[in-house]
Amino acid sequence: MYFDSASIGPKLVKDFPEISDDGSEATFEFSKPFADWQVGFAGIGPNGVGLPSHIVAKKALGIDDPEKGKQAILKAIKDKDTEKLSKISNTWNTGFDFTSMPEDEDLLVHNGPYKMTKFEEGQYVTLELDDKYTGPTKPKVDTVTVRYNGDPMAMVQAIENGEVDFTQPQATADVLSAAEDIDGVNVDSADGATYEHVDFTFDNKGPFDPAANGGDEEKAKKVRQAFLKTLPRQDIVDKIIKPLNPEAVTRDSFNQVPGSPMYDEIIKGNGMEDLKEVDLKGAKKLLKDAGVDAPKVRVMYDNTNSRRQQEFQLIKESAEKAGFKIEDVGDVNWGTRLGDGTYDVSLFGWQSESTGITDSDANYRTGAQNNYGGYSSKKTDKILDKIVGAPESEHAKLSTELEKQLTTDAFGAPLFQHPELVIYRDKLKNAKSTTVSPTIFWNYWEWETN
């Protein structure tokens, strides 16, 4: 596959799409029913953002004429011309990667209301309203500058100094307190789009891999189950999250946000009830039954992130009481290490990008793009196959079945929904967030300043 995606949707389109005579529309036909056809997939949908075909053709095939370039790309796909497709996909995948303002203006072609006018690496990007834009939702703000800063307190300081009007730093009690003390600044708190979770590595010859347990899957599973019994999920919520959101609860579903329509039904049958409380006695028994003594577990997380530092310490203290030896392999560049086998437990967050039931398929399917731990289960794959084409009436039932299988296999565990702070100055109107990506940017066309 030249153009890969974590979404399961594109894999269900087997035939070349029907292209309108003027080349402005494409009709895709799924080879079988797709549960999330209304949501869109891989950037295709009502709000999908692609790349300009005429620029791709210019860079990949050397065709300057826009119309000829577009037709050349369509022909290459239709004819399955591997030589041209290789060039096209390479440009598509990497040709528009840049970290500062490019000299090549072709790379700045856009299909939205804003054009990029400045881009300083690691500092900021400036967007200005394009007077040629004719779309249905024209923004009221002429210029938007997005500044980069990974320090939550520095982001609050930028608000106080009037350097920015709107920010969404990682929420901590100190950040909340500092923001609330600033005159002329509003602070909204709610659940965010990201949830924290613990995942195991199944294929690195570590303590949770059958290969390190004489090839015995049941033995490896008992070690995973033992570790899960030590997770202080409620303690983490009480000590780290509730100071920001007094109503916070543990997230007990792998795939649904607390309060969503299917959530209550799913958590009744997914088996997460067994992990409500820490069970050190049960963990010790499982390790004994498995014949494993003091297994060493390497935990990877962002060790520059204060919240995750606290999470790690709570997890470490609890797991070591049951006999595990915890090794800190935290790394600020943790994201580049996902799937490299140098850790046994990962601690990070997934952000919801849609409300689709197939949205998390790539997290669990054998060999899928987001399955960093190397988890593989024929039973899980079969359930995922059912979910792909399931009618709405079957969504809750199959989602529960999927999550029950994940808990049975001791895949890992969800922890909590990230608390989210939206901090903005009085001058900015209609600033708000949402529980799916792109969070604070979702309604940019409604922003107003005075």
Protein backbone atom coordinates (compact mmCIF):
# COMPACT_ATOMS: atom_id res chain seq x y z
CA MET A 1 0.00 0.00 0.00
CA TYR A 2 1.43 3.37 -1.04
CA PHE A 3 -0.86 5.62 1.00
CA ASP A 4 -1.21 4.01 4.43
CA SER A 5 -3.61 4.95 7.21
CA ALA A 6 -4.46 3.88 10.75
CA SER A 7 -8.14 3.98 9.75
CA ILE A 8 -9.79 0.71 8.75
CA GLY A 9 -12.10 2.52 6.31
CA PRO A 10 -9.76 2.88 3.28
CA LYS A 11 -9.03 -0.84 3.35
CA LEU A 12 -12.69 -1.49 2.56
CA VAL A 13 -12.58 0.49 -0.68
CA LYS A 14 -11.42 -2.08 -3.23
CA ASP A 15 -12.46 -0.43 -6.49
CA PHE A 16 -11.18 2.79 -8.00
CA PRO A 17 -13.53 5.66 -7.08
CA GLU A 18 -15.87 7.16 -9.63
CA ILE A 19 -14.54 10.57 -10.68
CA SER A 20 -16.92 13.24 -11.95
CA ASP A 21 -16.42 14.63 -15.45
CA ASP A 22 -15.04 17.91 -14.12
CA GLY A 23 -12.71 16.10 -11.70
CA SER A 24 -14.15 17.89 -8.66
CA GLU A 25 -15.92 14.94 -7.02
CA ALA A 26 -14.98 11.38 -6.13
CA THR A 27 -17.45 8.66 -5.13
CA PHE A 28 -16.09 5.80 -3.03
CA GLU A 29 -17.89 2.48 -2.74
CA PHE A 30 -17.16 0.23 0.20
CA SER A 31 -16.70 -3.44 -0.62
CA LYS A 32 -18.86 -4.29 2.39
CA PRO A 33 -20.85 -2.33 4.98
CA PHE A 34 -18.77 0.13 7.01
CA ALA A 35 -20.08 1.16 10.43
CA ASP A 36 -18.48 4.62 10.33
CA TRP A 37 -19.19 5.62 6.74
CA GLN A 38 -20.81 8.86 7.91
CA VAL A 39 -17.76 9.91 9.93
CA GLY A 40 -15.38 9.83 6.98
CA PHE A 41 -11.93 8.30 6.95
CA ALA A 42 -8.28 9.13 6.29
CA GLY A 43 -9.02 12.81 5.78
CA ILE A 44 -11.96 12.11 3.47
CA GLY A 45 -15.17 13.59 4.78
CA PRO A 46 -16.93 16.92 5.20
CA ASN A 47 -13.96 18.46 7.02
CA GLY A 48 -11.16 16.39 5.52
CA VAL A 49 -7.93 18.11 4.53
CA GLY A 50 -5.86 16.68 1.70
CA LEU A 51 -2.93 17.87 -0.38
CA PRO A 52 -3.12 19.82 -3.67
CA SER A 53 -2.95 17.33 -6.53
CA HIS A 54 -1.43 19.83 -8.96
CA ILE A 55 1.47 20.56 -6.58
CA VAL A 56 2.02 16.86 -5.88
CA ALA A 57 2.12 16.23 -9.63
CA LYS A 58 4.53 19.11 -10.15
CA LYS A 59 6.95 17.83 -7.52
CA ALA A 60 6.59 14.12 -8.18
CA LEU A 61 6.11 13.98 -11.96
CA GLY A 62 7.50 17.30 -13.15
CA ILE A 63 4.18 18.42 -14.67
CA ASP A 64 3.68 22.19 -14.39
CA ASP A 65 0.19 22.40 -15.88
CA PRO A 66 -2.32 22.01 -12.97
CA GLU A 67 -5.03 20.22 -14.96
CA LYS A 68 -2.59 17.87 -16.68
CA GLY A 69 -0.99 17.15 -13.33
CA LYS A 70 -4.29 16.22 -11.71
CA GLN A 71 -5.21 13.94 -14.60
CA ALA A 72 -1.78 12.30 -14.48
CA ILE A 73 -2.25 11.39 -10.83
CA LEU A 74 -5.71 9.96 -11.48
CA LYS A 75 -4.35 7.93 -14.39
CA ALA A 76 -1.42 6.61 -12.36
CA ILE A 77 -3.78 5.37 -9.65
CA LYS A 78 -6.26 3.90 -12.10
CA ASP A 79 -3.53 2.17 -14.13
CA LYS A 80 -1.71 1.03 -10.98
CA ASP A 81 1.48 2.51 -12.41
CA THR A 82 3.88 1.46 -9.66
CA GLU A 83 6.74 3.66 -10.85
CA LYS A 84 4.68 6.84 -10.83
CA LEU A 85 2.74 5.85 -7.71
CA SER A 86 6.01 5.46 -5.84
CA LYS A 87 7.02 9.02 -6.74
CA ILE A 88 3.55 10.40 -6.01
CA SER A 89 3.28 8.70 -2.62
CA ASN A 90 6.77 9.78 -1.59
CA THR A 91 5.82 13.38 -2.29
CA TRP A 92 2.46 12.94 -0.58
CA ASN A 93 4.03 11.40 2.51
CA THR A 94 7.12 13.58 2.95
CA GLY A 95 7.17 16.42 0.41
CA PHE A 96 5.18 18.79 2.60
CA ASP A 97 7.18 18.20 5.77
CA PHE A 98 8.85 21.39 6.99
CA THR A 99 9.63 22.90 10.38
CA SER A 100 10.08 26.56 9.37
CA MET A 101 8.88 28.85 6.60
CA PRO A 102 9.76 27.16 3.29
CA GLU A 103 11.25 29.12 0.39
CA ASP A 104 9.13 27.08 -2.01
CA GLU A 105 5.74 28.84 -2.06
CA ASP A 106 4.15 25.82 -3.74
CA LEU A 107 4.20 24.09 -0.35
CA LEU A 108 1.97 26.82 1.11
CA VAL A 109 -1.02 26.19 -1.16
CA HIS A 110 -4.07 25.82 1.10
CA ASN A 111 -7.78 25.03 0.89
CA GLY A 112 -8.95 26.84 4.03
CA PRO A 113 -9.59 30.45 4.99
CA TYR A 114 -6.09 31.14 6.30
CA LYS A 115 -2.69 31.29 4.60
CA MET A 116 0.62 30.78 6.36
CA THR A 117 2.73 33.95 6.36
CA LYS A 118 5.38 33.24 9.02
CA PHE A 119 6.82 30.10 10.59
CA GLU A 120 9.69 30.24 13.06
CA GLU A 121 10.94 26.79 13.98
CA GLY A 122 9.96 25.78 17.50
CA GLN A 123 8.48 29.22 18.22
CA TYR A 124 5.34 30.15 16.32
CA VAL A 125 3.36 30.05 13.09
CA THR A 126 1.30 33.02 11.83
CA LEU A 127 -1.82 32.60 9.70
CA GLU A 128 -3.60 35.44 7.91
CA LEU A 129 -7.09 35.48 6.45
CA ASP A 130 -6.95 34.96 2.68
CA ASP A 131 -9.18 37.48 0.88
CA LYS A 132 -9.57 34.97 -1.96
CA TYR A 133 -11.28 32.45 0.28
CA THR A 134 -14.93 31.88 -0.71
CA GLY A 135 -15.97 29.11 1.69
CA PRO A 136 -19.24 29.10 3.65
CA THR A 137 -17.73 29.96 7.06
CA LYS A 138 -15.54 33.03 6.94
CA PRO A 139 -13.68 33.72 10.22
CA LYS A 140 -14.03 37.05 12.02
CA VAL A 141 -10.37 37.16 13.14
CA ASP A 142 -7.91 38.35 10.48
CA THR A 143 -4.66 37.04 11.98
CA VAL A 144 -3.95 34.03 14.19
CA THR A 145 -0.51 33.35 15.67
CA VAL A 146 0.02 29.94 17.26
CA ARG A 147 2.93 29.88 19.70
CA TYR A 148 4.67 26.69 20.87
CA ASN A 149 5.54 26.21 24.52
CA GLY A 150 5.71 22.94 26.41
CA ASP A 151 5.90 24.55 29.85
CA PRO A 152 2.38 24.89 31.32
CA MET A 153 3.33 27.64 33.77
CA ALA A 154 5.10 29.58 31.01
CA MET A 155 1.87 29.39 29.00
CA VAL A 156 -0.04 30.91 31.91
CA GLN A 157 2.63 33.60 32.19
CA ALA A 158 2.17 34.38 28.49
CA ILE A 159 -1.55 34.94 29.13
CA GLU A 160 -0.79 37.21 32.08
CA ASN A 161 1.72 39.24 30.05
CA GLY A 162 -0.75 39.69 27.20
CA GLU A 163 1.47 37.74 24.78
CA VAL A 164 -1.35 35.31 23.96
CA ASP A 165 -5.12 35.49 24.27
CA PHE A 166 -5.98 31.80 24.44
CA THR A 167 -4.14 28.74 25.76
CA GLN A 168 -4.75 25.15 26.80
CA PRO A 169 -1.80 23.99 28.92
CA GLN A 170 -1.63 20.63 30.61
CA ALA A 171 -3.81 20.93 33.68
CA THR A 172 -2.23 20.83 37.13
CA ALA A 173 -3.37 22.32 40.43
CA ASP A 174 -0.59 24.93 40.24
CA VAL A 175 -1.58 25.94 36.69
CA LEU A 176 -5.24 26.28 37.69
CA SER A 177 -4.39 28.39 40.73
CA ALA A 178 -2.04 30.66 38.79
CA ALA A 179 -4.57 31.23 35.99
CA GLU A 180 -7.43 31.99 38.38
CA ASP A 181 -5.36 34.74 40.00
CA ILE A 182 -5.04 36.74 36.76
CA ASP A 183 -7.45 39.67 36.28
CA GLY A 184 -9.37 39.75 33.01
CA VAL A 185 -8.82 36.05 32.35
CA ASN A 186 -11.41 33.26 32.20
CA VAL A 187 -10.68 29.65 33.14
CA ASP A 188 -12.99 26.84 32.00
CA SER A 189 -12.46 23.26 33.22
CA ALA A 190 -13.85 20.09 31.67
CA ASP A 191 -12.94 16.62 30.45
CA GLY A 192 -10.64 16.73 27.46
CA ALA A 193 -10.27 14.63 24.32
CA THR A 194 -7.38 12.56 25.69
CA TYR A 195 -7.42 9.62 28.06
CA GLU A 196 -4.50 8.12 29.98
CA HIS A 197 -3.79 4.41 29.72
CA VAL A 198 -1.29 1.68 30.56
CA ASP A 199 -0.24 -0.68 27.76
CA PHE A 200 1.93 -3.80 27.85
CA THR A 201 4.56 -4.97 25.38
CA PHE A 202 3.86 -8.52 24.21
CA ASP A 203 6.73 -9.18 21.80
CA ASN A 204 10.02 -7.97 23.32
CA LYS A 205 10.99 -11.05 25.39
CA GLY A 206 10.16 -9.05 28.49
CA PRO A 207 8.13 -10.21 31.53
CA PHE A 208 4.77 -9.98 29.72
CA ASP A 209 5.89 -11.81 26.56
CA PRO A 210 5.17 -15.56 26.33
CA ALA A 211 8.63 -15.97 24.74
CA ALA A 212 10.22 -15.01 28.06
CA ASN A 213 7.98 -17.46 29.90
CA GLY A 214 8.91 -20.65 28.11
CA GLY A 215 6.39 -19.91 25.36
CA ASP A 216 3.58 -20.27 27.90
CA GLU A 217 0.88 -17.69 27.10
CA GLU A 218 -1.08 -18.44 30.29
CA LYS A 219 2.00 -17.85 32.41
CA ALA A 220 2.70 -14.53 30.68
CA LYS A 221 -0.95 -13.55 31.08
CA LYS A 222 -0.80 -14.19 34.83
CA VAL A 223 2.18 -11.84 35.09
CA ARG A 224 0.22 -9.17 33.17
CA GLN A 225 -2.85 -9.73 35.32
CA ALA A 226 -0.73 -9.46 38.46
CA PHE A 227 0.67 -6.09 37.36
CA LEU A 228 -2.82 -4.81 36.54
CA LYS A 229 -3.99 -5.75 40.04
CA THR A 230 -1.34 -3.40 41.45
CA LEU A 231 -2.43 -0.35 39.43
CA PRO A 232 -3.60 2.35 41.88
CA ARG A 233 -6.15 3.72 39.44
CA GLN A 234 -8.43 5.34 42.02
CA ASP A 235 -5.46 6.70 43.97
CA ILE A 236 -4.13 8.35 40.81
CA VAL A 237 -7.50 10.01 40.18
CA ASP A 238 -7.90 11.11 43.81
CA LYS A 239 -4.41 12.58 44.16
CA ILE A 240 -3.69 13.97 40.70
CA ILE A 241 -6.97 14.58 38.87
CA LYS A 242 -9.59 15.48 41.48
CA PRO A 243 -7.79 18.67 42.54
CA LEU A 244 -8.59 19.89 39.01
CA ASN A 245 -11.94 18.22 38.55
CA PRO A 246 -13.70 17.22 41.80
CA GLU A 247 -16.15 15.11 39.79
CA ALA A 248 -13.39 13.05 38.13
CA VAL A 249 -13.73 9.27 38.04
CA THR A 250 -11.57 6.46 36.75
CA ARG A 251 -12.16 5.78 33.09
CA ASP A 252 -13.32 2.17 32.90
CA SER A 253 -13.78 1.82 29.13
CA PHE A 254 -10.97 1.42 26.62
CA ASN A 255 -12.86 3.17 23.85
CA GLN A 256 -15.68 5.30 25.24
CA VAL A 257 -15.61 8.56 27.23
CA PRO A 258 -17.40 8.57 30.61
CA GLY A 259 -20.89 9.92 30.07
CA SER A 260 -21.11 8.88 26.41
CA PRO A 261 -24.23 6.93 25.33
CA MET A 262 -22.65 3.45 25.39
CA TYR A 263 -20.33 3.95 28.35
CA ASP A 264 -22.50 2.61 31.19
CA GLU A 265 -23.55 -0.48 29.26
CA ILE A 266 -19.98 -1.28 28.26
CA ILE A 267 -18.43 -1.00 31.73
CA LYS A 268 -21.07 -3.32 33.16
CA GLY A 269 -19.79 -6.17 31.01
CA ASN A 270 -16.18 -5.45 30.06
CA GLY A 271 -14.55 -6.87 33.21
CA MET A 272 -12.92 -3.64 34.39
CA GLU A 273 -14.83 -3.90 37.66
CA ASP A 274 -12.13 -6.35 38.82
CA LEU A 275 -9.57 -3.53 38.65
CA LYS A 276 -11.53 -1.01 40.69
CA GLU A 277 -9.29 -1.51 43.70
CA VAL A 278 -5.67 -2.52 44.19
CA ASP A 279 -5.35 -6.22 45.08
CA LEU A 280 -1.79 -6.88 46.23
CA LYS A 281 -2.67 -10.25 47.70
CA GLY A 282 -4.18 -11.34 44.40
CA ALA A 283 -1.17 -10.03 42.49
CA LYS A 284 1.26 -11.97 44.68
CA LYS A 285 -0.77 -15.16 44.22
CA LEU A 286 -0.75 -14.79 40.43
CA LEU A 287 3.03 -14.33 40.39
CA LYS A 288 3.42 -17.37 42.62
CA ASP A 289 1.10 -19.44 40.41
CA ALA A 290 3.13 -18.37 37.39
CA GLY A 291 6.35 -19.36 39.13
CA VAL A 292 7.82 -15.92 38.56
CA ASP A 293 9.90 -14.22 41.22
CA ALA A 294 10.49 -10.45 41.28
CA PRO A 295 9.96 -9.76 37.56
CA LYS A 296 11.74 -6.64 36.30
CA VAL A 297 9.41 -4.22 34.51
CA ARG A 298 10.67 -1.25 32.49
CA VAL A 299 8.19 1.64 32.45
CA MET A 300 8.39 4.28 29.71
CA TYR A 301 6.71 7.68 29.97
CA ASP A 302 7.52 11.35 29.47
CA ASN A 303 9.81 11.99 32.42
CA THR A 304 9.66 15.77 31.90
CA ASN A 305 5.91 15.77 32.48
CA SER A 306 5.07 16.44 36.13
CA ARG A 307 1.74 14.62 36.03
CA ARG A 308 3.28 11.48 34.58
CA GLN A 309 6.13 11.66 37.05
CA GLN A 310 3.51 11.49 39.81
CA GLU A 311 1.65 8.65 38.06
CA PHE A 312 4.86 6.68 37.67
CA GLN A 313 5.75 7.04 41.34
CA LEU A 314 2.33 5.85 42.48
CA ILE A 315 2.45 2.88 40.09
CA LYS A 316 6.01 2.02 41.11
CA GLU A 317 5.29 2.09 44.84
CA SER A 318 2.23 -0.14 44.46
CA ALA A 319 3.78 -2.67 42.05
CA GLU A 320 6.90 -3.11 44.16
CA LYS A 321 4.75 -4.01 47.17
CA ALA A 322 3.57 -7.05 45.17
CA GLY A 323 7.11 -8.10 44.27
CA PHE A 324 7.74 -6.40 40.92
CA LYS A 325 11.03 -4.61 40.33
CA ILE A 326 10.26 -1.37 38.51
CA GLU A 327 12.87 0.26 36.29
CA ASP A 328 12.38 3.87 35.22
CA VAL A 329 13.07 4.21 31.49
CA GLY A 330 11.25 7.52 31.15
CA ASP A 331 12.28 9.64 28.18
CA VAL A 332 11.28 13.07 26.88
CA ASN A 333 11.42 11.49 23.39
CA TRP A 334 9.14 8.63 24.38
CA GLY A 335 7.03 9.00 21.25
CA THR A 336 9.91 8.01 18.97
CA ARG A 337 10.42 4.82 20.99
CA LEU A 338 6.89 3.46 20.76
CA GLY A 339 7.07 -0.10 19.49
CA ASP A 340 10.87 -0.42 19.69
CA GLY A 341 10.81 -3.11 22.39
CA THR A 342 12.96 -1.20 24.91
CA TYR A 343 10.21 -1.03 27.52
CA ASP A 344 7.58 -3.34 28.99
CA VAL A 345 4.92 -0.84 30.05
CA SER A 346 4.06 2.45 28.37
CA LEU A 347 2.20 5.29 30.00
CA PHE A 348 0.70 7.87 27.66
CA GLY A 349 -2.57 9.21 26.27
CA TRP A 350 -4.72 8.58 23.22
CA GLN A 351 -6.68 11.50 21.80
CA SER A 352 -10.09 10.84 20.25
CA GLU A 353 -10.29 12.07 16.68
CA SER A 354 -13.88 11.08 15.96
CA THR A 355 -16.92 9.49 17.52
CA GLY A 356 -16.68 6.45 15.25
CA ILE A 357 -16.89 2.94 16.66
CA THR A 358 -13.96 1.81 14.45
CA ASP A 359 -11.74 4.69 15.57
CA SER A 360 -9.58 2.46 17.79
CA ASP A 361 -9.32 -0.53 15.42
CA ALA A 362 -5.61 0.12 14.76
CA ASN A 363 -4.83 0.03 18.50
CA TYR A 364 -5.73 -3.65 18.87
CA ARG A 365 -5.70 -5.39 15.48
CA THR A 366 -2.79 -7.74 14.83
CA GLY A 367 -0.02 -5.85 13.04
CA ALA A 368 -1.98 -2.60 12.89
CA GLN A 369 -0.34 0.81 12.82
CA ASN A 370 -1.06 1.89 16.40
CA ASN A 371 -0.57 -1.54 17.98
CA TYR A 372 2.79 -0.60 19.47
CA GLY A 373 2.87 -3.43 22.00
CA GLY A 374 2.65 -6.24 19.46
CA TYR A 375 -0.63 -7.54 20.88
CA SER A 376 -2.15 -10.30 18.76
CA SER A 377 -5.41 -12.14 19.36
CA LYS A 378 -7.44 -14.05 16.77
CA LYS A 379 -10.54 -13.59 18.95
CA THR A 380 -10.03 -9.81 19.10
CA ASP A 381 -9.42 -9.61 15.34
CA LYS A 382 -12.68 -11.47 14.69
CA ILE A 383 -14.61 -9.08 16.93
CA LEU A 384 -13.02 -6.11 15.16
CA ASP A 385 -14.11 -7.60 11.82
CA LYS A 386 -17.69 -7.72 13.10
CA ILE A 387 -17.51 -4.14 14.37
CA VAL A 388 -16.34 -2.80 11.00
CA GLY A 389 -19.66 -3.56 9.35
CA ALA A 390 -21.97 -3.54 12.38
CA PRO A 391 -25.35 -1.78 12.28
CA GLU A 392 -25.88 0.83 14.98
CA SER A 393 -28.10 -1.52 16.98
CA GLU A 394 -25.09 -3.82 17.51
CA HIS A 395 -22.51 -1.17 18.48
CA ALA A 396 -22.84 -1.36 22.27
CA LYS A 397 -22.97 -5.17 22.32
CA LEU A 398 -19.89 -5.60 20.13
CA SER A 399 -17.98 -2.84 21.90
CA THR A 400 -18.59 -4.62 25.20
CA GLU A 401 -17.48 -7.90 23.64
CA LEU A 402 -14.28 -6.28 22.36
CA GLU A 403 -13.41 -4.73 25.70
CA LYS A 404 -14.19 -7.95 27.55
CA GLN A 405 -11.69 -9.73 25.33
CA LEU A 406 -9.07 -7.05 26.01
CA THR A 407 -9.47 -7.44 29.77
CA THR A 408 -9.45 -11.24 29.44
CA ASP A 409 -6.14 -11.02 27.57
CA ALA A 410 -4.80 -8.44 30.08
CA PHE A 411 -4.06 -6.01 27.25
CA GLY A 412 -3.62 -3.07 29.65
CA ALA A 413 -5.97 -0.63 31.34
CA PRO A 414 -7.46 2.85 30.93
CA LEU A 415 -6.82 5.24 33.81
CA PHE A 416 -8.64 8.57 33.49
CA GLN A 417 -9.93 11.21 31.13
CA HIS A 418 -7.49 14.11 31.01
CA PRO A 419 -8.80 17.20 32.76
CA GLU A 420 -8.66 20.18 30.45
CA LEU A 421 -8.24 23.87 31.18
CA VAL A 422 -9.20 26.50 28.62
CA ILE A 423 -7.67 29.82 29.64
CA TYR A 424 -8.56 32.96 27.68
CA ARG A 425 -8.64 36.72 28.03
CA ASP A 426 -11.92 38.66 28.21
CA LYS A 427 -11.24 40.19 24.79
CA LEU A 428 -11.69 36.81 23.08
CA LYS A 429 -15.29 35.69 22.55
CA ASN A 430 -16.57 32.18 21.74
CA ALA A 431 -13.41 30.46 22.96
CA LYS A 432 -14.24 26.87 23.89
CA SER A 433 -13.01 23.33 23.47
CA THR A 434 -14.45 19.95 22.55
CA THR A 435 -13.71 16.35 23.54
CA VAL A 436 -12.36 15.35 20.13
CA SER A 437 -9.41 16.65 18.13
CA PRO A 438 -8.66 19.49 17.31
CA THR A 439 -9.95 20.61 20.74
CA ILE A 440 -9.61 24.42 21.10
CA PHE A 441 -9.30 25.03 17.35
CA TRP A 442 -12.55 23.31 16.37
CA ASN A 443 -14.64 26.53 16.11
CA TYR A 444 -12.02 29.07 14.99
CA TRP A 445 -14.53 30.66 12.59
CA GLU A 446 -16.62 31.76 15.60
CA TRP A 447 -13.80 33.57 17.43
CA GLU A 448 -14.20 37.31 17.90
CA THR A 449 -12.02 39.92 19.57
CA ASN A 450 -12.81 43.39 20.90
